[in-house]
PDB file of N, CA and C in Angstrom:
ATOM      1  N   MET A   1      88.144  81.428 125.286  1.00  0.00           N
ATOM      2  CA  MET A   1      88.135  82.492 124.188  1.00  0.00           C
ATOM      3  C   MET A   1      89.355  82.304 123.277  1.00  0.00           C
ATOM      4  N   THR A   2      89.278  82.351 122.054  1.00  0.00           N
ATOM      5  CA  THR A   2      90.309  82.193 121.080  1.00  0.00           C
ATOM      6  C   THR A   2      90.795  83.700 120.495  1.00  0.00           C
ATOM      7  N   THR A   3      92.076  83.775 120.417  1.00  0.00           N
ATOM      8  CA  THR A   3      92.574  85.052 119.762  1.00  0.00           C
ATOM      9  C   THR A   3      92.945  84.773 118.516  1.00  0.00           C
ATOM     10  N   SER A   4      92.452  85.626 117.646  1.00  0.00           N
ATOM     11  CA  SER A   4      92.614  85.623 116.308  1.00  0.00           C
ATOM     12  C   SER A   4      93.906  86.616 115.896  1.00  0.00           C
ATOM     13  N   GLU A   5      94.572  86.138 114.798  1.00  0.00           N
ATOM     14  CA  GLU A   5      95.619  86.905 114.219  1.00  0.00           C
ATOM     15  C   GLU A   5      95.080  87.667 113.009  1.00  0.00           C
ATOM     16  N   VAL A   6      95.468  88.979 112.857  1.00  0.00           N
ATOM     17  CA  VAL A   6      95.108  89.665 111.659  1.00  0.00           C
ATOM     18  C   VAL A   6      96.378  90.199 111.038  1.00  0.00           C
ATOM     19  N   HIS A   7      96.473  89.828 109.679  1.00  0.00           N
ATOM     20  CA  HIS A   7      97.679  90.112 108.810  1.00  0.00           C
ATOM     21  C   HIS A   7      97.141  91.106 107.709  1.00  0.00           C
ATOM     22  N   SER A   8      97.777  92.244 107.413  1.00  0.00           N
ATOM     23  CA  SER A   8      97.298  93.044 106.550  1.00  0.00           C
ATOM     24  C   SER A   8      98.396  93.024 105.304  1.00  0.00           C
ATOM     25  N   PHE A   9      97.813  93.149 104.017  1.00  0.00           N
ATOM     26  CA  PHE A   9      98.689  93.295 102.900  1.00  0.00           C
ATOM     27  C   PHE A   9      98.390  94.318 101.873  1.00  0.00           C
ATOM     28  N   PHE A  10      99.136  95.345 101.765  1.00  0.00           N
ATOM     29  CA  PHE A  10      98.993  96.421 100.998  1.00  0.00           C
ATOM     30  C   PHE A  10      99.205  96.236  99.448  1.00  0.00           C
ATOM     31  N   ASP A  11      98.179  96.577  98.578  1.00  0.00           N
ATOM     32  CA  ASP A  11      98.621  96.404  97.236  1.00  0.00           C
ATOM     33  C   ASP A  11      98.760  97.713  96.492  1.00  0.00           C
ATOM     34  N   GLU A  12      99.992  97.948  95.943  1.00  0.00           N
ATOM     35  CA  GLU A  12     100.255  99.278  95.439  1.00  0.00           C
ATOM     36  C   GLU A  12      99.432  99.520  94.070  1.00  0.00           C
ATOM     37  N   ALA A  13      99.094  98.370  93.253  1.00  0.00           N
ATOM     38  CA  ALA A  13      98.446  98.722  92.186  1.00  0.00           C
ATOM     39  C   ALA A  13      97.109  99.276  92.379  1.00  0.00           C
ATOM     40  N   THR A  14      96.256  98.849  93.450  1.00  0.00           N
ATOM     41  CA  THR A  14      95.009  99.366  93.679  1.00  0.00           C
ATOM     42  C   THR A  14      94.772 100.319  94.844  1.00  0.00           C
ATOM     43  N   PHE A  15      96.008 100.419  95.615  1.00  0.00           N
ATOM     44  CA  PHE A  15      96.107 101.152  96.650  1.00  0.00           C
ATOM     45  C   PHE A  15      95.172 100.808  97.745  1.00  0.00           C
ATOM     46  N   THR A  16      94.879  99.481  97.886  1.00  0.00           N
ATOM     47  CA  THR A  16      93.914  98.913  98.970  1.00  0.00           C
ATOM     48  C   THR A  16      94.730  97.924  99.841  1.00  0.00           C
ATOM     49  N   VAL A  17      94.078  97.736 101.017  1.00  0.00           N
ATOM     50  CA  VAL A  17      94.550  96.850 101.878  1.00  0.00           C
ATOM     51  C   VAL A  17      93.673  95.509 102.058  1.00  0.00           C
ATOM     52  N   SER A  18      94.369  94.376 101.912  1.00  0.00           N
ATOM     53  CA  SER A  18      93.478  93.133 102.135  1.00  0.00           C
ATOM     54  C   SER A  18      93.944  92.579 103.405  1.00  0.00           C
ATOM     55  N   TYR A  19      93.108  91.830 104.217  1.00  0.00           N
ATOM     56  CA  TYR A  19      93.373  91.226 105.382  1.00  0.00           C
ATOM     57  C   TYR A  19      93.291  89.631 105.295  1.00  0.00           C
ATOM     58  N   LEU A  20      94.008  89.093 106.117  1.00  0.00           N
ATOM     59  CA  LEU A  20      93.961  87.623 106.504  1.00  0.00           C
ATOM     60  C   LEU A  20      93.762  87.599 107.961  1.00  0.00           C
ATOM     61  N   VAL A  21      92.619  86.998 108.403  1.00  0.00           N
ATOM     62  CA  VAL A  21      92.225  86.623 109.739  1.00  0.00           C
ATOM     63  C   VAL A  21      92.198  85.332 110.090  1.00  0.00           C
ATOM     64  N   ALA A  22      93.154  84.921 110.861  1.00  0.00           N
ATOM     65  CA  ALA A  22      93.423  83.513 111.236  1.00  0.00           C
ATOM     66  C   ALA A  22      93.269  83.214 112.701  1.00  0.00           C
ATOM     67  N   ASP A  23      92.756  81.925 112.918  1.00  0.00           N
ATOM     68  CA  ASP A  23      92.641  81.498 114.198  1.00  0.00           C
ATOM     69  C   ASP A  23      93.618  80.225 114.238  1.00  0.00           C
ATOM     70  N   PRO A  24      94.761  80.546 114.851  1.00  0.00           N
ATOM     71  CA  PRO A  24      95.851  79.543 114.917  1.00  0.00           C
ATOM     72  C   PRO A  24      95.435  78.236 115.751  1.00  0.00           C
ATOM     73  N   LYS A  25      94.501  78.198 116.720  1.00  0.00           N
ATOM     74  CA  LYS A  25      94.115  77.199 117.291  1.00  0.00           C
ATOM     75  C   LYS A  25      93.242  75.988 116.556  1.00  0.00           C
ATOM     76  N   THR A  26      92.486  76.647 115.592  1.00  0.00           N
ATOM     77  CA  THR A  26      91.634  75.767 114.862  1.00  0.00           C
ATOM     78  C   THR A  26      92.291  75.568 113.432  1.00  0.00           C
ATOM     79  N   GLY A  27      93.047  76.475 112.976  1.00  0.00           N
ATOM     80  CA  GLY A  27      93.653  76.441 111.541  1.00  0.00           C
ATOM     81  C   GLY A  27      92.656  77.144 110.575  1.00  0.00           C
ATOM     82  N   ARG A  28      91.657  77.594 111.144  1.00  0.00           N
ATOM     83  CA  ARG A  28      90.788  78.368 110.218  1.00  0.00           C
ATOM     84  C   ARG A  28      91.071  79.873 109.730  1.00  0.00           C
ATOM     85  N   ALA A  29      90.747  80.228 108.591  1.00  0.00           N
ATOM     86  CA  ALA A  29      91.022  81.617 108.313  1.00  0.00           C
ATOM     87  C   ALA A  29      90.014  82.126 107.387  1.00  0.00           C
ATOM     88  N   ALA A  30      90.164  83.561 107.125  1.00  0.00           N
ATOM     89  CA  ALA A  30      89.309  84.312 106.256  1.00  0.00           C
ATOM     90  C   ALA A  30      89.970  85.343 105.576  1.00  0.00           C
ATOM     91  N   ILE A  31      89.779  85.476 104.371  1.00  0.00           N
ATOM     92  CA  ILE A  31      90.305  86.631 103.525  1.00  0.00           C
ATOM     93  C   ILE A  31      89.375  87.690 103.315  1.00  0.00           C
ATOM     94  N   ILE A  32      89.676  89.026 103.684  1.00  0.00           N
ATOM     95  CA  ILE A  32      88.992  90.173 103.549  1.00  0.00           C
ATOM     96  C   ILE A  32      89.706  91.037 102.531  1.00  0.00           C
ATOM     97  N   ASP A  33      89.043  90.970 101.357  1.00  0.00           N
ATOM     98  CA  ASP A  33      89.687  91.678 100.164  1.00  0.00           C
ATOM     99  C   ASP A  33      88.673  92.624  99.516  1.00  0.00           C
ATOM    100  N   SER A  34      88.784  93.836  99.778  1.00  0.00           N
ATOM    101  CA  SER A  34      87.804  94.925  99.213  1.00  0.00           C
ATOM    102  C   SER A  34      87.873  95.234  97.711  1.00  0.00           C
ATOM    103  N   VAL A  35      88.967  94.716  97.027  1.00  0.00           N
ATOM    104  CA  VAL A  35      88.894  94.931  95.559  1.00  0.00           C
ATOM    105  C   VAL A  35      89.730  93.631  94.999  1.00  0.00           C
ATOM    106  N   LEU A  36      88.991  93.162  93.993  1.00  0.00           N
ATOM    107  CA  LEU A  36      89.717  92.183  93.056  1.00  0.00           C
ATOM    108  C   LEU A  36      90.864  92.897  92.354  1.00  0.00           C
ATOM    109  N   ASP A  37      91.699  92.017  91.889  1.00  0.00           N
ATOM    110  CA  ASP A  37      92.778  92.496  90.887  1.00  0.00           C
ATOM    111  C   ASP A  37      92.018  92.862  89.640  1.00  0.00           C
ATOM    112  N   PHE A  38      92.225  94.252  89.165  1.00  0.00           N
ATOM    113  CA  PHE A  38      91.619  94.806  87.930  1.00  0.00           C
ATOM    114  C   PHE A  38      92.624  95.053  87.105  1.00  0.00           C
ATOM    115  N   ASP A  39      92.425  94.481  85.658  1.00  0.00           N
ATOM    116  CA  ASP A  39      93.411  94.872  84.591  1.00  0.00           C
ATOM    117  C   ASP A  39      92.539  95.763  83.733  1.00  0.00           C
ATOM    118  N   PRO A  40      93.043  97.212  83.806  1.00  0.00           N
ATOM    119  CA  PRO A  40      92.280  98.222  82.959  1.00  0.00           C
ATOM    120  C   PRO A  40      92.577  98.044  81.423  1.00  0.00           C
ATOM    121  N   ALA A  41      93.470  97.371  81.028  1.00  0.00           N
ATOM    122  CA  ALA A  41      93.653  97.121  79.528  1.00  0.00           C
ATOM    123  C   ALA A  41      92.668  96.095  79.131  1.00  0.00           C
ATOM    124  N   SER A  42      92.278  95.134  79.853  1.00  0.00           N
ATOM    125  CA  SER A  42      91.282  94.059  79.420  1.00  0.00           C
ATOM    126  C   SER A  42      89.953  94.203  79.923  1.00  0.00           C
ATOM    127  N   GLY A  43      89.968  94.964  81.124  1.00  0.00           N
ATOM    128  CA  GLY A  43      88.586  95.138  81.711  1.00  0.00           C
ATOM    129  C   GLY A  43      88.265  94.042  82.330  1.00  0.00           C
ATOM    130  N   ARG A  44      89.281  93.068  82.758  1.00  0.00           N
ATOM    131  CA  ARG A  44      88.805  91.911  83.499  1.00  0.00           C
ATOM    132  C   ARG A  44      89.413  91.996  85.001  1.00  0.00           C
ATOM    133  N   THR A  45      88.819  91.230  85.933  1.00  0.00           N
ATOM    134  CA  THR A  45      89.268  91.035  87.312  1.00  0.00           C
ATOM    135  C   THR A  45      89.806  89.628  87.441  1.00  0.00           C
ATOM    136  N   SER A  46      90.614  89.531  88.481  1.00  0.00           N
ATOM    137  CA  SER A  46      91.072  88.102  88.761  1.00  0.00           C
ATOM    138  C   SER A  46      91.391  88.113  90.160  1.00  0.00           C
ATOM    139  N   THR A  47      91.442  86.990  90.899  1.00  0.00           N
ATOM    140  CA  THR A  47      91.963  86.694  92.131  1.00  0.00           C
ATOM    141  C   THR A  47      93.384  86.378  92.307  1.00  0.00           C
ATOM    142  N   ARG A  48      94.200  86.776  91.410  1.00  0.00           N
ATOM    143  CA  ARG A  48      95.549  86.448  91.465  1.00  0.00           C
ATOM    144  C   ARG A  48      96.372  86.793  92.703  1.00  0.00           C
ATOM    145  N   SER A  49      95.985  88.047  93.367  1.00  0.00           N
ATOM    146  CA  SER A  49      96.776  88.420  94.477  1.00  0.00           C
ATOM    147  C   SER A  49      96.300  87.517  95.840  1.00  0.00           C
ATOM    148  N   ALA A  50      95.051  87.220  95.830  1.00  0.00           N
ATOM    149  CA  ALA A  50      94.626  86.285  96.932  1.00  0.00           C
ATOM    150  C   ALA A  50      94.982  84.960  96.693  1.00  0.00           C
ATOM    151  N   ASP A  51      95.199  84.421  95.531  1.00  0.00           N
ATOM    152  CA  ASP A  51      95.672  83.115  95.351  1.00  0.00           C
ATOM    153  C   ASP A  51      97.282  82.879  95.624  1.00  0.00           C
ATOM    154  N   ALA A  52      97.942  83.999  95.680  1.00  0.00           N
ATOM    155  CA  ALA A  52      99.396  83.881  95.830  1.00  0.00           C
ATOM    156  C   ALA A  52      99.746  83.530  97.168  1.00  0.00           C
TER     157      ALA A  52
END
């Protein structure tokens, strides 16, 4: 059985938490991001935080 690592990242702008779930043995990972970055001035979303 493989143990996964879970890392959380708090975003003050959206007041949400995103998670990185990683399997160190295989090097595979998944991002769980409940909200995209949202710019209320333009009405656009982006993946800037996830890409950083």
